[in-house]
N, C-alpha and C. Protein backbone atom coordinates (compact mmCIF):
# COMPACT_ATOMS: atom_id res chain seq x y z
N MET A 1 116.37 114.74 136.80
CA MET A 1 115.27 115.09 135.27
C MET A 1 114.16 113.93 135.95
N THR A 2 113.48 114.15 135.60
CA THR A 2 111.84 112.94 136.35
C THR A 2 111.69 112.89 134.27
N ARG A 3 110.66 112.06 134.62
CA ARG A 3 110.13 111.10 133.44
C ARG A 3 109.76 112.16 132.65
N THR A 4 108.55 113.17 132.91
CA THR A 4 107.77 114.03 132.52
C THR A 4 108.18 114.74 131.70
N ARG A 5 109.47 115.47 131.90
CA ARG A 5 110.16 116.29 130.95
C ARG A 5 111.62 115.99 130.37
N ASP A 6 111.55 114.10 129.98
CA ASP A 6 112.49 114.20 129.13
C ASP A 6 112.31 114.41 127.74
N PRO A 7 113.08 113.96 126.95
CA PRO A 7 113.55 114.67 125.30
C PRO A 7 112.20 113.73 124.69
N VAL A 8 111.88 112.43 125.55
CA VAL A 8 111.31 111.38 124.66
C VAL A 8 109.97 111.93 124.78
N THR A 9 109.32 111.45 126.13
CA THR A 9 107.95 112.39 126.94
C THR A 9 107.33 113.11 126.31
N ILE A 10 108.57 114.88 126.03
CA ILE A 10 108.01 116.30 125.01
C ILE A 10 108.66 116.11 123.49
N GLY A 11 108.81 114.92 123.46
CA GLY A 11 108.64 114.67 121.93
C GLY A 11 107.34 113.72 121.40
N LEU A 12 106.65 113.20 122.22
CA LEU A 12 105.75 112.47 121.62
C LEU A 12 104.95 113.25 122.04
N LEU A 13 104.70 113.83 123.40
CA LEU A 13 103.42 115.18 123.68
C LEU A 13 103.33 115.93 122.90
N VAL A 14 104.65 116.79 121.87
CA VAL A 14 104.21 117.51 121.09
C VAL A 14 103.49 116.83 119.43
N TYR A 15 103.83 115.58 119.03
CA TYR A 15 103.97 115.06 117.93
C TYR A 15 102.26 114.22 118.36
N SER A 16 102.20 114.01 119.16
CA SER A 16 100.36 113.60 119.32
C SER A 16 99.23 114.69 119.64
N VAL A 17 100.00 115.83 119.71
CA VAL A 17 99.13 117.01 120.13
C VAL A 17 99.04 117.51 118.45
N TYR A 18 99.63 117.93 118.03
CA TYR A 18 100.04 117.98 116.13
C TYR A 18 99.63 117.17 116.00
N SER A 19 99.55 115.73 116.04
CA SER A 19 98.93 114.66 114.62
C SER A 19 97.21 115.31 115.47
N LEU A 20 96.80 114.88 116.23
CA LEU A 20 94.97 115.20 116.60
C LEU A 20 95.00 116.63 115.83
N ALA A 21 95.28 117.95 116.37
CA ALA A 21 94.92 119.03 115.56
C ALA A 21 94.86 119.21 114.17
N LEU A 22 96.13 118.82 113.46
CA LEU A 22 96.33 118.05 112.28
C LEU A 22 94.79 117.31 111.75
N GLY A 23 94.65 115.81 112.69
CA GLY A 23 93.74 115.80 111.52
C GLY A 23 92.11 116.15 111.53
N VAL A 24 92.19 116.96 113.42
CA VAL A 24 90.91 117.81 113.37
C VAL A 24 91.09 118.66 111.99
N VAL A 25 91.55 119.13 112.33
CA VAL A 25 91.65 120.52 110.68
C VAL A 25 91.16 119.85 109.55
N MET A 26 91.63 118.54 109.57
CA MET A 26 91.85 117.77 108.27
C MET A 26 89.80 117.23 108.07
N VAL A 27 89.12 116.84 109.26
CA VAL A 27 88.10 116.14 108.77
C VAL A 27 87.56 117.53 109.33
N PHE A 28 87.28 118.48 109.95
CA PHE A 28 86.65 119.41 110.10
C PHE A 28 86.47 120.74 108.98
N GLY A 29 88.17 120.84 108.78
CA GLY A 29 88.83 122.06 107.41
C GLY A 29 89.02 121.41 106.49
N ALA A 30 87.97 120.57 105.41
CA ALA A 30 88.99 120.23 105.12
C ALA A 30 89.30 120.72 103.19
N GLY A 31 88.95 122.06 103.36
CA GLY A 31 89.31 122.87 102.11
C GLY A 31 89.69 123.48 102.65
N TRP A 32 89.72 124.12 104.02
CA TRP A 32 91.00 124.90 104.03
C TRP A 32 92.01 124.51 104.36
N PHE A 33 92.02 122.62 104.91
CA PHE A 33 93.60 122.59 104.68
C PHE A 33 94.19 122.33 102.82
N PHE A 34 93.58 122.20 102.25
CA PHE A 34 93.82 121.39 100.53
C PHE A 34 94.43 123.11 100.39
N ARG A 35 93.42 124.17 100.70
CA ARG A 35 94.16 125.60 100.26
C ARG A 35 95.23 126.35 101.24
N ASN A 36 95.45 126.07 102.12
CA ASN A 36 96.04 126.77 103.14
C ASN A 36 97.27 125.53 103.44
N VAL A 37 97.69 124.04 103.35
CA VAL A 37 98.31 123.90 104.07
C VAL A 37 98.81 122.30 102.62
N GLY A 38 97.79 121.95 101.93
CA GLY A 38 98.60 120.82 101.23
C GLY A 38 97.68 120.47 99.62
N PRO A 39 98.58 122.03 99.24
CA PRO A 39 97.45 122.29 98.07
C PRO A 39 98.29 121.62 96.64
N PHE A 40 98.15 120.67 96.74
CA PHE A 40 98.36 119.54 95.67
C PHE A 40 97.50 118.61 95.08
N GLY A 41 97.54 119.02 93.32
CA GLY A 41 97.34 118.42 92.08
C GLY A 41 95.38 118.99 92.65
N ILE A 42 94.15 118.27 92.55
CA ILE A 42 93.00 118.74 92.77
C ILE A 42 92.49 118.05 94.03
N ARG A 43 91.55 119.64 94.91
CA ARG A 43 90.69 119.22 96.20
C ARG A 43 90.01 118.01 96.14
N ASN A 44 90.21 116.82 97.30
CA ASN A 44 89.40 115.79 97.20
C ASN A 44 88.82 115.63 98.05
N ASP A 45 88.54 116.28 99.29
CA ASP A 45 87.90 116.07 100.78
C ASP A 45 88.36 115.19 101.29
N HIS A 46 86.99 114.48 100.35
CA HIS A 46 87.26 112.23 101.07
C HIS A 46 88.36 112.19 101.39
N TYR A 47 89.23 112.36 100.27
CA TYR A 47 90.72 111.46 100.63
C TYR A 47 91.51 112.38 101.62
N THR A 48 90.62 114.20 101.82
CA THR A 48 91.24 114.73 102.93
C THR A 48 91.29 114.27 104.63
N ARG A 49 89.54 113.84 104.45
CA ARG A 49 89.15 113.18 106.02
C ARG A 49 90.10 111.79 106.01
N ASP A 50 90.46 111.03 104.88
CA ASP A 50 90.76 109.03 105.68
C ASP A 50 92.67 109.92 105.53
N ALA A 51 92.89 110.76 105.28
CA ALA A 51 94.33 111.00 105.36
C ALA A 51 94.29 110.92 107.18
N ALA A 52 93.20 112.26 107.33
CA ALA A 52 92.60 112.01 108.74
C ALA A 52 93.10 111.59 109.91
N THR A 53 92.41 110.03 109.31
CA THR A 53 92.05 109.19 110.40
C THR A 53 93.72 108.86 110.37
N MET A 54 95.00 108.69 110.53
CA MET A 54 95.72 108.22 110.09
C MET A 54 95.89 108.84 110.99
N TYR A 55 96.34 110.37 111.14
CA TYR A 55 96.70 111.00 111.55
C TYR A 55 95.93 110.92 113.23
N LEU A 56 94.86 111.37 113.65
CA LEU A 56 94.49 110.60 114.57
C LEU A 56 94.14 109.84 115.75
N ALA A 57 94.83 108.65 114.57
CA ALA A 57 95.03 106.63 115.56
C ALA A 57 96.62 107.34 116.23
N PHE A 58 97.28 108.20 115.31
CA PHE A 58 98.39 108.53 115.29
C PHE A 58 98.59 109.40 116.82
N GLY A 59 97.78 110.45 116.67
CA GLY A 59 97.51 110.50 118.16
C GLY A 59 97.74 110.33 119.47
N VAL A 60 95.96 109.42 119.49
CA VAL A 60 95.45 108.76 120.11
C VAL A 60 96.66 107.14 120.49
N ALA A 61 97.01 106.81 119.71
CA ALA A 61 98.24 106.08 120.29
C ALA A 61 99.12 106.68 121.13
N GLY A 62 99.87 108.24 120.70
CA GLY A 62 100.74 108.41 121.13
C GLY A 62 100.49 109.12 123.06
N VAL A 63 99.31 109.54 122.47
CA VAL A 63 98.93 109.92 123.97
C VAL A 63 98.77 108.41 125.09
N ALA A 64 98.30 107.99 124.39
CA ALA A 64 98.28 106.63 125.30
C ALA A 64 99.51 106.19 125.42
N ALA A 65 100.70 106.46 124.70
CA ALA A 65 101.44 106.10 124.93
C ALA A 65 102.54 106.22 125.94
N LEU A 66 101.71 107.49 126.34
CA LEU A 66 102.46 108.97 127.48
C LEU A 66 102.30 107.92 128.70
N ARG A 67 101.10 107.73 128.35
CA ARG A 67 100.42 106.21 129.78
C ARG A 67 101.61 105.57 129.86
N ARG A 68 101.84 104.94 128.89
CA ARG A 68 102.20 102.99 129.17
C ARG A 68 103.25 103.25 127.80
N PRO A 69 104.90 103.51 128.76
CA PRO A 69 106.21 103.73 128.34
C PRO A 69 106.40 102.38 127.48
N THR A 70 106.17 101.08 127.53
CA THR A 70 106.58 100.21 126.32
C THR A 70 105.98 100.47 124.82
N TRP A 71 104.59 101.38 124.69
CA TRP A 71 104.13 101.26 123.96
C TRP A 71 104.93 102.85 123.41
N ARG A 72 106.20 103.18 124.33
CA ARG A 72 106.07 104.54 123.09
C ARG A 72 107.33 104.09 121.97
N VAL A 73 108.26 103.07 121.94
CA VAL A 73 108.41 102.22 120.96
C VAL A 73 108.26 101.98 119.35
N PRO A 74 107.50 101.24 119.69
CA PRO A 74 106.76 101.30 119.16
C PRO A 74 105.52 101.74 117.93
N VAL A 75 105.05 102.86 118.21
CA VAL A 75 104.96 104.56 118.60
C VAL A 75 104.90 105.09 117.76
N LEU A 76 106.92 105.60 118.18
CA LEU A 76 107.26 106.57 117.65
C LEU A 76 108.22 105.70 116.52
N ALA A 77 108.59 104.10 116.35
CA ALA A 77 108.71 103.96 114.94
C ALA A 77 108.39 104.26 114.01
N VAL A 78 106.19 104.41 114.04
CA VAL A 78 105.41 103.81 113.34
C VAL A 78 105.02 105.45 113.30
N MET A 79 105.90 106.52 113.55
CA MET A 79 105.69 107.48 113.79
C MET A 79 106.60 108.17 112.76
N THR A 80 107.44 107.52 112.49
CA THR A 80 108.96 108.01 111.97
C THR A 80 108.64 107.30 110.74
N LEU A 81 108.95 106.15 110.88
CA LEU A 81 108.50 104.94 108.86
C LEU A 81 106.88 106.54 108.09
N GLU A 82 106.04 106.71 108.96
CA GLU A 82 104.57 106.96 108.13
C GLU A 82 105.33 108.29 108.06
N ALA A 83 106.13 109.73 108.74
CA ALA A 83 107.02 110.20 108.63
C ALA A 83 107.91 110.54 107.23
N ALA A 84 108.81 109.35 107.43
CA ALA A 84 110.04 109.19 106.17
C ALA A 84 108.95 108.61 105.22
N PHE A 85 107.87 107.77 104.79
CA PHE A 85 107.40 107.88 103.71
C PHE A 85 107.23 108.56 103.00
N HIS A 86 106.00 109.93 103.63
CA HIS A 86 105.16 110.91 103.41
C HIS A 86 106.43 112.18 102.69
N ALA A 87 107.65 112.52 103.39
CA ALA A 87 108.61 113.25 103.02
C ALA A 87 108.98 112.64 101.49
N VAL A 88 109.11 111.08 101.19
CA VAL A 88 109.35 110.60 99.53
C VAL A 88 108.17 111.18 98.72
N ASN A 89 107.77 110.94 99.61
CA ASN A 89 106.50 111.24 98.44
C ASN A 89 106.31 113.26 98.21
N HIS A 90 106.58 113.66 99.25
CA HIS A 90 106.55 115.47 99.53
C HIS A 90 108.09 115.17 98.12
N LEU A 91 109.06 114.26 98.42
CA LEU A 91 109.94 114.62 97.48
C LEU A 91 109.54 114.22 95.72
N TRP A 92 109.04 113.08 96.01
CA TRP A 92 109.11 112.70 94.64
C TRP A 92 107.48 113.73 93.70
N ASP A 93 106.69 114.37 94.11
CA ASP A 93 105.64 115.63 94.03
C ASP A 93 106.06 117.04 94.02
N VAL A 94 107.54 117.19 94.18
CA VAL A 94 108.48 118.26 95.48
C VAL A 94 107.84 119.23 94.44
N SER A 95 107.83 118.86 93.07
CA SER A 95 107.69 120.54 91.68
C SER A 95 105.90 120.28 91.02
N LYS A 96 104.71 119.92 92.60
CA LYS A 96 103.35 120.32 91.69
C LYS A 96 102.61 120.61 93.03
N ALA A 97 103.49 122.24 94.05
CA ALA A 97 103.19 122.30 94.70
C ALA A 97 101.95 123.78 94.21
N HIS A 98 101.30 124.15 94.74
CA HIS A 98 101.52 125.39 94.86
C HIS A 98 100.80 126.42 95.71
N PRO A 99 102.01 126.81 95.68
CA PRO A 99 102.48 128.18 94.97
C PRO A 99 103.60 126.78 95.01
N LYS A 100 104.86 127.58 94.09
CA LYS A 100 106.38 126.22 94.13
C LYS A 100 106.88 125.70 94.26
N ARG A 101 107.35 127.11 95.51
CA ARG A 101 108.40 127.11 96.99
C ARG A 101 107.80 126.83 97.60
N ASP A 102 106.09 125.93 98.03
CA ASP A 102 105.57 125.47 99.37
C ASP A 102 106.72 123.77 98.91
N GLY A 103 106.05 123.45 98.33
CA GLY A 103 106.98 122.20 97.65
C GLY A 103 108.17 121.52 98.30
N PRO A 104 109.62 122.58 97.86
CA PRO A 104 110.75 122.37 98.81
C PRO A 104 110.76 122.69 100.65
N ILE A 105 109.53 123.69 100.63
CA ILE A 105 109.65 124.20 102.00
C ILE A 105 109.28 122.84 102.80
N ASP A 106 107.92 121.79 102.41
CA ASP A 106 107.35 120.71 102.22
C ASP A 106 108.77 119.85 103.26
N PHE A 107 109.24 119.47 102.01
CA PHE A 107 109.67 118.51 102.20
C PHE A 107 110.74 118.56 103.09
N VAL A 108 111.78 119.77 103.24
CA VAL A 108 112.32 120.49 104.02
C VAL A 108 111.72 119.58 105.72
N LEU A 109 110.33 120.18 105.94
CA LEU A 109 109.53 120.67 107.75
C LEU A 109 109.43 118.81 107.30
N ILE A 110 108.88 118.19 106.17
CA ILE A 110 108.72 116.19 107.55
C ILE A 110 109.90 115.98 107.17
N ALA A 111 110.93 116.09 106.87
CA ALA A 111 112.26 115.13 106.70
C ALA A 111 112.52 115.58 108.00
N LEU A 112 112.73 116.70 108.52
CA LEU A 112 112.84 117.12 110.05
C LEU A 112 112.48 116.55 110.50
N SER A 113 111.43 116.33 110.44
CA SER A 113 109.97 115.65 110.93
C SER A 113 110.58 114.57 111.47
N ALA A 114 110.98 113.83 110.66
CA ALA A 114 110.80 111.84 110.56
C ALA A 114 112.34 111.66 110.85
N ALA A 115 113.63 112.57 110.79
CA ALA A 115 114.87 112.59 111.61
C ALA A 115 114.31 113.08 113.00
N VAL A 116 113.74 113.27 113.61
CA VAL A 116 113.40 113.97 114.41
C VAL A 116 112.96 112.63 115.75
N LEU A 117 111.77 112.22 115.38
CA LEU A 117 111.18 111.07 115.57
C LEU A 117 112.25 109.93 115.51
N GLY A 118 112.39 110.19 114.56
CA GLY A 118 113.47 108.73 114.60
C GLY A 118 114.76 108.91 115.74
N TRP A 119 115.64 109.79 115.89
CA TRP A 119 116.12 110.19 116.76
C TRP A 119 115.13 110.22 118.00
N LEU A 120 114.35 110.03 118.53
CA LEU A 120 113.01 110.70 119.57
C LEU A 120 112.54 108.93 120.00
N THR A 121 112.67 107.63 118.53
CA THR A 121 112.34 106.23 118.70
C THR A 121 113.41 105.88 119.42
N TRP A 122 115.35 106.11 118.88
CA TRP A 122 116.40 105.99 119.08
C TRP A 122 117.09 106.59 120.91
N ARG A 123 116.28 107.14 120.98
CA ARG A 123 116.31 107.15 122.74
C ARG A 123 115.64 106.63 123.39
N ALA A 124 113.50 106.72 122.64
CA ALA A 124 112.62 105.18 123.25
C ALA A 124 113.61 104.29 123.95
N ALA A 125 114.10 103.24 122.69
CA ALA A 125 115.10 101.66 122.65
C ALA A 125 116.03 102.03 123.94
N ARG A 126 116.76 103.43 123.35
CA ARG A 126 117.73 102.67 124.39
C ARG A 126 117.44 103.24 126.03
N SER A 127 116.46 104.07 126.34
CA SER A 127 116.04 104.27 127.41
C SER A 127 115.07 102.60 127.68
N GLU A 128 114.58 102.73 127.07
CA GLU A 128 114.25 101.01 127.08
C GLU A 128 115.08 99.66 127.64
N ARG A 129 116.32 99.39 126.88
CA ARG A 129 117.14 99.08 127.73
C ARG A 129 118.18 98.84 128.35
N ALA A 130 117.63 99.70 129.08
CA ALA A 130 118.96 100.49 130.30
C ALA A 130 117.55 100.37 131.42
N GLN A 131 116.26 99.66 131.19
CA GLN A 131 115.17 99.71 132.60
C GLN A 131 115.80 98.45 132.75
N PRO A 132 115.67 98.15 134.12
CA PRO A 132 115.85 96.78 134.88
C PRO A 132 115.08 95.60 134.48
């Protein structure tokens, strides 16, 4: 199996592109994002764009880590932590989503992302240790 087709590379690419796309949507479509993705509390476009900066940074770091294998474990570890903390935040506010059914769905999807990112981090660390 070539390096470009291993699960870590594919997963890192997917999460990096997802982070970049999410960040761009949050910056240029903050209102759309609030209505369709994150309808929690009162709409605040400034805070939506603030959160976008984090996703844009994750995306850029992830793309850089595709070319710099020694960056993979730390970048994936930080992505994992963010997703885990994000899942806890959604669990905390699970009943505050609008519509209500979105709260549990969002929590499960974000928690699954954290689990996949954790697995990718573990795979990347294991692969790094195996290198001579």
